[in-house]
């Protein structure tokens, strides 16, 4: 890969943001998330960071690992940033509960593959 260190840094940003979200929600139920504007805002910001980091992952890495839906991750970031009024909190919750654990696992595996000697 042309610049493994850049990809490693971005993957670490994604993992850090996932950890932050998981710490923020910390066994919360959807009802709590739905009514807690601070919690929503904190999680949305971390999702923005995930999307921005994904947007800067090299084309080579994204094409080599299509099992990660890079475009959906970036698209969510764009929705949150540019069409914030259209964000469905239930869908955000489902992403947090269902998609982030898998993304976390994929990113950890990628770090092992590309960064084993650099981390």
C-alpha atoms as a PDB file:
ATOM      1  CA  UNK A   1       0.000   0.000   0.000  1.00  0.00           C
ATOM      2  CA  UNK A   2       1.274   3.451  -0.802  1.00  0.00           C
ATOM      3  CA  UNK A   3       0.878   4.906   2.676  1.00  0.00           C
ATOM      4  CA  UNK A   4       0.110   2.310   5.309  1.00  0.00           C
ATOM      5  CA  UNK A   5       0.739   4.781   8.127  1.00  0.00           C
ATOM      6  CA  UNK A   6      -2.093   7.030   6.913  1.00  0.00           C
ATOM      7  CA  UNK A   7      -4.492   4.084   6.790  1.00  0.00           C
ATOM      8  CA  UNK A   8      -3.337   2.890  10.201  1.00  0.00           C
ATOM      9  CA  UNK A   9      -3.976   6.339  11.678  1.00  0.00           C
ATOM     10  CA  UNK A  10      -7.460   6.535  10.144  1.00  0.00           C
ATOM     11  CA  UNK A  11      -8.355   3.026  11.295  1.00  0.00           C
ATOM     12  CA  UNK A  12      -7.288   3.966  14.806  1.00  0.00           C
ATOM     13  CA  UNK A  13      -9.502   7.075  14.614  1.00  0.00           C
ATOM     14  CA  UNK A  14     -12.425   4.856  13.622  1.00  0.00           C
ATOM     15  CA  UNK A  15     -11.734   2.463  16.481  1.00  0.00           C
ATOM     16  CA  UNK A  16     -11.376   5.301  18.991  1.00  0.00           C
ATOM     17  CA  UNK A  17     -14.712   6.764  17.915  1.00  0.00           C
ATOM     18  CA  UNK A  18     -16.436   3.390  18.137  1.00  0.00           C
ATOM     19  CA  UNK A  19     -15.042   2.968  21.658  1.00  0.00           C
ATOM     20  CA  UNK A  20     -16.281   6.436  22.565  1.00  0.00           C
ATOM     21  CA  UNK A  21     -19.781   5.669  21.298  1.00  0.00           C
ATOM     22  CA  UNK A  22     -19.864   2.365  23.135  1.00  0.00           C
ATOM     23  CA  UNK A  23     -18.747   4.095  26.327  1.00  0.00           C
ATOM     24  CA  UNK A  24     -21.342   6.844  25.861  1.00  0.00           C
ATOM     25  CA  UNK A  25     -24.276   4.462  25.409  1.00  0.00           C
ATOM     26  CA  UNK A  26     -22.970   2.032  28.049  1.00  0.00           C
ATOM     27  CA  UNK A  27     -25.979  -0.334  28.232  1.00  0.00           C
ATOM     28  CA  UNK A  28     -28.510   2.408  27.539  1.00  0.00           C
ATOM     29  CA  UNK A  29     -31.821   1.470  25.957  1.00  0.00           C
ATOM     30  CA  UNK A  30     -33.265   3.175  22.897  1.00  0.00           C
ATOM     31  CA  UNK A  31     -35.763   5.140  25.003  1.00  0.00           C
ATOM     32  CA  UNK A  32     -32.933   6.784  26.916  1.00  0.00           C
ATOM     33  CA  UNK A  33     -31.026   7.498  23.709  1.00  0.00           C
ATOM     34  CA  UNK A  34     -34.156   8.935  22.112  1.00  0.00           C
ATOM     35  CA  UNK A  35     -34.699  11.445  24.908  1.00  0.00           C
ATOM     36  CA  UNK A  36     -31.096  12.338  25.754  1.00  0.00           C
ATOM     37  CA  UNK A  37     -30.027  15.066  23.336  1.00  0.00           C
ATOM     38  CA  UNK A  38     -26.511  15.193  24.779  1.00  0.00           C
ATOM     39  CA  UNK A  39     -26.058  11.475  24.207  1.00  0.00           C
ATOM     40  CA  UNK A  40     -27.400  11.740  20.661  1.00  0.00           C
ATOM     41  CA  UNK A  41     -25.153  14.681  19.900  1.00  0.00           C
ATOM     42  CA  UNK A  42     -22.063  12.957  21.283  1.00  0.00           C
ATOM     43  CA  UNK A  43     -22.738   9.797  19.273  1.00  0.00           C
ATOM     44  CA  UNK A  44     -23.532  11.711  16.093  1.00  0.00           C
ATOM     45  CA  UNK A  45     -20.263  13.592  16.385  1.00  0.00           C
ATOM     46  CA  UNK A  46     -18.325  10.341  16.739  1.00  0.00           C
ATOM     47  CA  UNK A  47     -20.149   8.938  13.693  1.00  0.00           C
ATOM     48  CA  UNK A  48     -19.050  12.043  11.788  1.00  0.00           C
ATOM     49  CA  UNK A  49     -15.444  11.307  12.766  1.00  0.00           C
ATOM     50  CA  UNK A  50     -15.812   7.686  11.650  1.00  0.00           C
ATOM     51  CA  UNK A  51     -17.147   8.824   8.287  1.00  0.00           C
ATOM     52  CA  UNK A  52     -14.449  11.428   7.825  1.00  0.00           C
ATOM     53  CA  UNK A  53     -11.725   8.915   8.686  1.00  0.00           C
ATOM     54  CA  UNK A  54     -13.243   6.367   6.302  1.00  0.00           C
ATOM     55  CA  UNK A  55     -13.268   9.012   3.584  1.00  0.00           C
ATOM     56  CA  UNK A  56      -9.485   9.342   3.921  1.00  0.00           C
ATOM     57  CA  UNK A  57      -8.673   5.633   3.837  1.00  0.00           C
ATOM     58  CA  UNK A  58      -6.668   4.830   0.691  1.00  0.00           C
ATOM     59  CA  UNK A  59      -8.527   3.669  -2.405  1.00  0.00           C
ATOM     60  CA  UNK A  60      -6.384   0.564  -2.410  1.00  0.00           C
ATOM     61  CA  UNK A  61      -7.448  -0.464   1.088  1.00  0.00           C
ATOM     62  CA  UNK A  62     -11.129   0.244   0.456  1.00  0.00           C
ATOM     63  CA  UNK A  63     -11.073  -1.788  -2.750  1.00  0.00           C
ATOM     64  CA  UNK A  64      -9.145  -4.624  -1.078  1.00  0.00           C
ATOM     65  CA  UNK A  65     -11.718  -4.858   1.733  1.00  0.00           C
ATOM     66  CA  UNK A  66     -15.175  -4.495   0.174  1.00  0.00           C
ATOM     67  CA  UNK A  67     -16.763  -6.362   3.088  1.00  0.00           C
ATOM     68  CA  UNK A  68     -16.711  -2.980   4.824  1.00  0.00           C
ATOM     69  CA  UNK A  69     -19.348  -0.714   3.298  1.00  0.00           C
ATOM     70  CA  UNK A  70     -17.062   2.317   3.099  1.00  0.00           C
ATOM     71  CA  UNK A  71     -19.530   4.287   0.976  1.00  0.00           C
ATOM     72  CA  UNK A  72     -22.342   3.806   3.502  1.00  0.00           C
ATOM     73  CA  UNK A  73     -20.061   4.966   6.327  1.00  0.00           C
ATOM     74  CA  UNK A  74     -19.076   8.072   4.381  1.00  0.00           C
ATOM     75  CA  UNK A  75     -22.689   8.603   3.310  1.00  0.00           C
ATOM     76  CA  UNK A  76     -23.858   8.578   6.919  1.00  0.00           C
ATOM     77  CA  UNK A  77     -21.280  11.223   7.756  1.00  0.00           C
ATOM     78  CA  UNK A  78     -22.513  13.358   4.867  1.00  0.00           C
ATOM     79  CA  UNK A  79     -26.121  12.944   5.960  1.00  0.00           C
ATOM     80  CA  UNK A  80     -25.303  13.963   9.538  1.00  0.00           C
ATOM     81  CA  UNK A  81     -23.292  16.982   8.389  1.00  0.00           C
ATOM     82  CA  UNK A  82     -25.367  18.255   5.491  1.00  0.00           C
ATOM     83  CA  UNK A  83     -28.896  17.010   6.138  1.00  0.00           C
ATOM     84  CA  UNK A  84     -28.925  16.840   9.916  1.00  0.00           C
ATOM     85  CA  UNK A  85     -32.664  17.556   9.893  1.00  0.00           C
ATOM     86  CA  UNK A  86     -33.186  14.232   8.101  1.00  0.00           C
ATOM     87  CA  UNK A  87     -31.346  12.049  10.601  1.00  0.00           C
ATOM     88  CA  UNK A  88     -33.564   9.268  11.938  1.00  0.00           C
ATOM     89  CA  UNK A  89     -32.512   8.589  15.526  1.00  0.00           C
ATOM     90  CA  UNK A  90     -33.881   5.031  15.392  1.00  0.00           C
ATOM     91  CA  UNK A  91     -31.626   4.260  12.417  1.00  0.00           C
ATOM     92  CA  UNK A  92     -28.665   5.829  14.237  1.00  0.00           C
ATOM     93  CA  UNK A  93     -29.426   3.609  17.236  1.00  0.00           C
ATOM     94  CA  UNK A  94     -29.604   0.530  15.009  1.00  0.00           C
ATOM     95  CA  UNK A  95     -26.240   1.443  13.484  1.00  0.00           C
ATOM     96  CA  UNK A  96     -24.733   1.816  16.949  1.00  0.00           C
ATOM     97  CA  UNK A  97     -26.181  -1.485  18.136  1.00  0.00           C
ATOM     98  CA  UNK A  98     -25.826  -3.606  14.992  1.00  0.00           C
ATOM     99  CA  UNK A  99     -23.184  -2.191  12.675  1.00  0.00           C
ATOM    100  CA  UNK A 100     -20.501  -0.711  14.908  1.00  0.00           C
ATOM    101  CA  UNK A 101     -19.483  -3.995  16.587  1.00  0.00           C
ATOM    102  CA  UNK A 102     -18.835  -5.533  13.168  1.00  0.00           C
ATOM    103  CA  UNK A 103     -16.981  -2.447  11.940  1.00  0.00           C
ATOM    104  CA  UNK A 104     -14.871  -2.531  15.097  1.00  0.00           C
ATOM    105  CA  UNK A 105     -13.941  -6.153  14.456  1.00  0.00           C
ATOM    106  CA  UNK A 106     -13.100  -5.479  10.793  1.00  0.00           C
ATOM    107  CA  UNK A 107     -10.934  -2.472  11.674  1.00  0.00           C
ATOM    108  CA  UNK A 108      -9.054  -4.414  14.330  1.00  0.00           C
ATOM    109  CA  UNK A 109      -8.369  -7.170  11.810  1.00  0.00           C
ATOM    110  CA  UNK A 110      -7.204  -4.647   9.219  1.00  0.00           C
ATOM    111  CA  UNK A 111      -4.805  -3.123  11.723  1.00  0.00           C
ATOM    112  CA  UNK A 112      -3.356  -6.550  12.377  1.00  0.00           C
ATOM    113  CA  UNK A 113      -2.950  -7.174   8.667  1.00  0.00           C
ATOM    114  CA  UNK A 114      -1.480  -3.843   7.565  1.00  0.00           C
ATOM    115  CA  UNK A 115       0.054  -2.529  10.717  1.00  0.00           C
ATOM    116  CA  UNK A 116       1.406  -5.435  12.634  1.00  0.00           C
ATOM    117  CA  UNK A 117       4.958  -4.145  12.453  1.00  0.00           C
ATOM    118  CA  UNK A 118       3.963  -0.498  12.848  1.00  0.00           C
ATOM    119  CA  UNK A 119       1.747  -0.476  15.970  1.00  0.00           C
END
